[in-house]
Amino acid sequence: MNGFTPTRADAYEPLDRATTDRWMRFGTSGTTTYPMLLGMVVEDVRVDYCRMRLPFREELLQAAGFMHGGAFASLLDHVMVPAVGAVLDAGQNFSTVDMHVQFMRGIVGGDKAEDAVAEGWVTRRGRRTVFCESEAFGATSGDLLAKSVLTYSVSPLR
């Protein structure tokens, strides 16, 4: 087992310190939100890029003993939030309008359980539409678990 090694981060410019600090706290403070319930943790955020971890928990397993596909899909979507949002002006809202997920491999419970780690990146950014891709890997195995192509809609500045 080689484990997951980030492959895309170095291709993206760093953000300023204040923006980085703000997005590193994504989903961890204030009102309990969905990413907080799942336990997602931002590991790196840059201009148009983010890496996020979904720690393994037995509660995320479905009845057959595999981590639920919805947990993977949530990770693939949520890893894009800091990547898309970090360069937007305050007051601009954005949301997923399209998402396609391909599931490659599952995570099982027991002694083979592992965290999932996702990298997400912007492939093209327009004023109102942002095109993205994300991939999730087993943190210990390094195996590709799932990948996604996403489109986000950005509201005009009000």
Protein backbone atom coordinates (compact mmCIF):
# COMPACT_ATOMS: atom_id res chain seq x y z
CA MET A 1 0.00 0.00 0.00
CA ASN A 2 1.47 3.29 -1.12
CA GLY A 3 -1.20 5.62 0.21
CA PHE A 4 -2.60 8.73 -1.39
CA THR A 5 -0.19 11.37 -2.66
CA PRO A 6 -1.62 14.71 -3.84
CA THR A 7 -0.90 15.07 -7.53
CA ARG A 8 -2.42 18.40 -8.53
CA ALA A 9 -1.78 20.92 -5.72
CA ASP A 10 1.54 22.24 -7.01
CA ALA A 11 -0.09 23.35 -10.28
CA TYR A 12 -2.21 25.95 -8.43
CA GLU A 13 -1.21 29.30 -6.95
CA PRO A 14 -1.50 29.86 -3.21
CA LEU A 15 -4.19 32.16 -1.82
CA ASP A 16 -3.45 35.04 0.51
CA ARG A 17 -3.13 34.03 4.18
CA ALA A 18 -6.49 35.40 5.35
CA THR A 19 -8.42 33.64 2.56
CA THR A 20 -6.53 30.40 3.16
CA ASP A 21 -7.25 30.55 6.90
CA ARG A 22 -10.96 31.23 6.29
CA TRP A 23 -11.41 28.31 3.87
CA MET A 24 -9.32 25.90 5.98
CA ARG A 25 -12.12 26.27 8.58
CA PHE A 26 -14.86 25.43 6.03
CA GLY A 27 -17.50 23.23 7.62
CA THR A 28 -16.01 23.27 11.12
CA SER A 29 -17.53 26.24 12.93
CA GLY A 30 -20.85 27.87 13.63
CA THR A 31 -24.14 26.14 12.98
CA THR A 32 -23.90 22.39 12.40
CA THR A 33 -23.86 21.85 8.64
CA TYR A 34 -23.88 18.78 6.41
CA PRO A 35 -20.08 18.70 5.86
CA MET A 36 -19.65 18.93 9.63
CA LEU A 37 -22.03 15.98 10.15
CA LEU A 38 -19.98 13.91 7.72
CA GLY A 39 -16.73 15.03 9.36
CA MET A 40 -15.09 16.53 6.25
CA VAL A 41 -11.81 18.36 6.80
CA VAL A 42 -10.06 20.74 4.39
CA GLU A 43 -6.37 19.80 4.04
CA ASP A 44 -5.26 22.31 1.38
CA VAL A 45 -6.87 25.16 -0.51
CA ARG A 46 -5.43 27.25 -3.35
CA VAL A 47 -6.69 29.30 -6.26
CA ASP A 48 -9.10 26.95 -8.11
CA TYR A 49 -8.03 23.88 -6.07
CA CYS A 50 -8.89 22.11 -2.82
CA ARG A 51 -8.04 18.83 -1.08
CA MET A 52 -10.44 17.48 1.54
CA ARG A 53 -10.59 14.37 3.74
CA LEU A 54 -13.62 12.32 4.72
CA PRO A 55 -12.59 10.31 7.81
CA PHE A 56 -13.92 6.74 7.86
CA ARG A 57 -16.76 6.17 10.31
CA GLU A 58 -18.93 3.07 10.68
CA GLU A 59 -22.01 5.34 10.43
CA LEU A 60 -21.14 6.05 6.78
CA LEU A 61 -21.48 2.37 5.78
CA GLN A 62 -24.51 1.14 3.87
CA ALA A 63 -26.16 -2.21 4.62
CA ALA A 64 -23.70 -4.28 2.52
CA GLY A 65 -20.72 -2.99 4.53
CA PHE A 66 -19.35 -0.44 2.06
CA MET A 67 -19.10 3.31 2.56
CA HIS A 68 -22.26 4.79 1.07
CA GLY A 69 -21.96 6.25 -2.43
CA GLY A 70 -23.71 9.36 -1.19
CA ALA A 71 -20.80 10.01 1.17
CA PHE A 72 -18.37 9.83 -1.79
CA ALA A 73 -20.62 12.07 -3.89
CA SER A 74 -20.83 14.58 -1.03
CA LEU A 75 -17.05 14.64 -0.71
CA LEU A 76 -16.62 15.12 -4.48
CA ASP A 77 -19.08 18.03 -4.41
CA HIS A 78 -17.92 19.68 -1.19
CA VAL A 79 -14.23 19.65 -2.17
CA MET A 80 -15.23 22.09 -4.90
CA VAL A 81 -16.79 24.66 -2.55
CA PRO A 82 -13.48 26.22 -1.38
CA ALA A 83 -11.95 25.81 -4.85
CA VAL A 84 -14.82 27.71 -6.48
CA GLY A 85 -15.60 30.15 -3.67
CA ALA A 86 -12.17 31.30 -2.51
CA VAL A 87 -11.70 33.77 -5.38
CA LEU A 88 -15.26 35.14 -5.47
CA ASP A 89 -16.24 38.51 -4.04
CA ALA A 90 -18.04 38.67 -0.69
CA GLY A 91 -21.77 38.46 -1.29
CA GLN A 92 -21.57 36.21 -4.33
CA ASN A 93 -23.46 32.96 -3.93
CA PHE A 94 -22.73 29.80 -5.87
CA SER A 95 -24.16 26.33 -6.06
CA THR A 96 -23.88 23.03 -7.88
CA VAL A 97 -26.20 22.85 -10.88
CA ASP A 98 -24.90 19.64 -12.44
CA MET A 99 -22.86 16.72 -11.17
CA HIS A 100 -21.92 13.39 -12.74
CA VAL A 101 -20.23 10.76 -10.56
CA GLN A 102 -18.48 7.56 -11.58
CA PHE A 103 -17.89 5.08 -8.75
CA MET A 104 -14.79 2.93 -9.22
CA ARG A 105 -14.23 1.14 -5.91
CA GLY A 106 -15.71 1.12 -2.44
CA ILE A 107 -14.33 1.42 1.06
CA VAL A 108 -15.21 -1.46 3.36
CA GLY A 109 -15.39 -1.46 7.13
CA GLY A 110 -13.28 -3.51 9.50
CA ASP A 111 -9.50 -3.89 9.22
CA LYS A 112 -9.48 -2.58 5.62
CA ALA A 113 -11.29 0.65 6.47
CA GLU A 114 -9.62 3.87 5.34
CA ASP A 115 -10.36 7.56 4.97
CA ALA A 116 -11.28 9.01 1.59
CA VAL A 117 -9.32 12.00 0.28
CA ALA A 118 -10.52 14.13 -2.62
CA GLU A 119 -8.84 16.66 -4.85
CA GLY A 120 -11.03 19.15 -6.71
CA TRP A 121 -10.03 21.68 -9.34
CA VAL A 122 -11.59 24.25 -11.63
CA THR A 123 -11.20 23.46 -15.32
CA ARG A 124 -12.81 26.64 -16.67
CA ARG A 125 -14.16 29.69 -14.91
CA GLY A 126 -16.65 32.11 -16.45
CA ARG A 127 -18.49 35.02 -14.82
CA ARG A 128 -21.58 32.94 -14.03
CA THR A 129 -20.55 29.34 -14.70
CA VAL A 130 -17.63 27.34 -13.30
CA PHE A 131 -16.68 23.91 -14.66
CA CYS A 132 -14.91 21.53 -12.29
CA GLU A 133 -13.58 18.02 -11.77
CA SER A 134 -12.85 16.07 -8.61
CA GLU A 135 -11.45 12.67 -7.70
CA ALA A 136 -11.57 10.69 -4.45
CA PHE A 137 -8.88 8.23 -3.39
CA GLY A 138 -8.36 5.79 -0.54
CA ALA A 139 -6.05 7.56 1.91
CA THR A 140 -4.14 4.36 2.72
CA SER A 141 -4.45 2.36 -0.49
CA GLY A 142 -4.16 5.28 -2.91
CA ASP A 143 -6.85 3.59 -5.05
CA LEU A 144 -9.16 5.76 -7.14
CA LEU A 145 -12.61 5.48 -5.53
CA ALA A 146 -14.76 7.85 -7.57
CA LYS A 147 -14.52 10.81 -9.90
CA SER A 148 -16.86 13.61 -10.83
CA VAL A 149 -17.48 16.34 -13.36
CA LEU A 150 -19.41 19.29 -11.92
CA THR A 151 -20.86 22.62 -12.99
CA TYR A 152 -21.42 25.48 -10.55
CA SER A 153 -23.55 28.55 -11.07
CA VAL A 154 -22.31 31.86 -9.61
CA SER A 155 -24.74 34.65 -8.78
CA PRO A 156 -24.00 38.23 -9.82
CA LEU A 157 -22.60 40.48 -7.14
CA ARG A 158 -25.43 42.28 -5.32
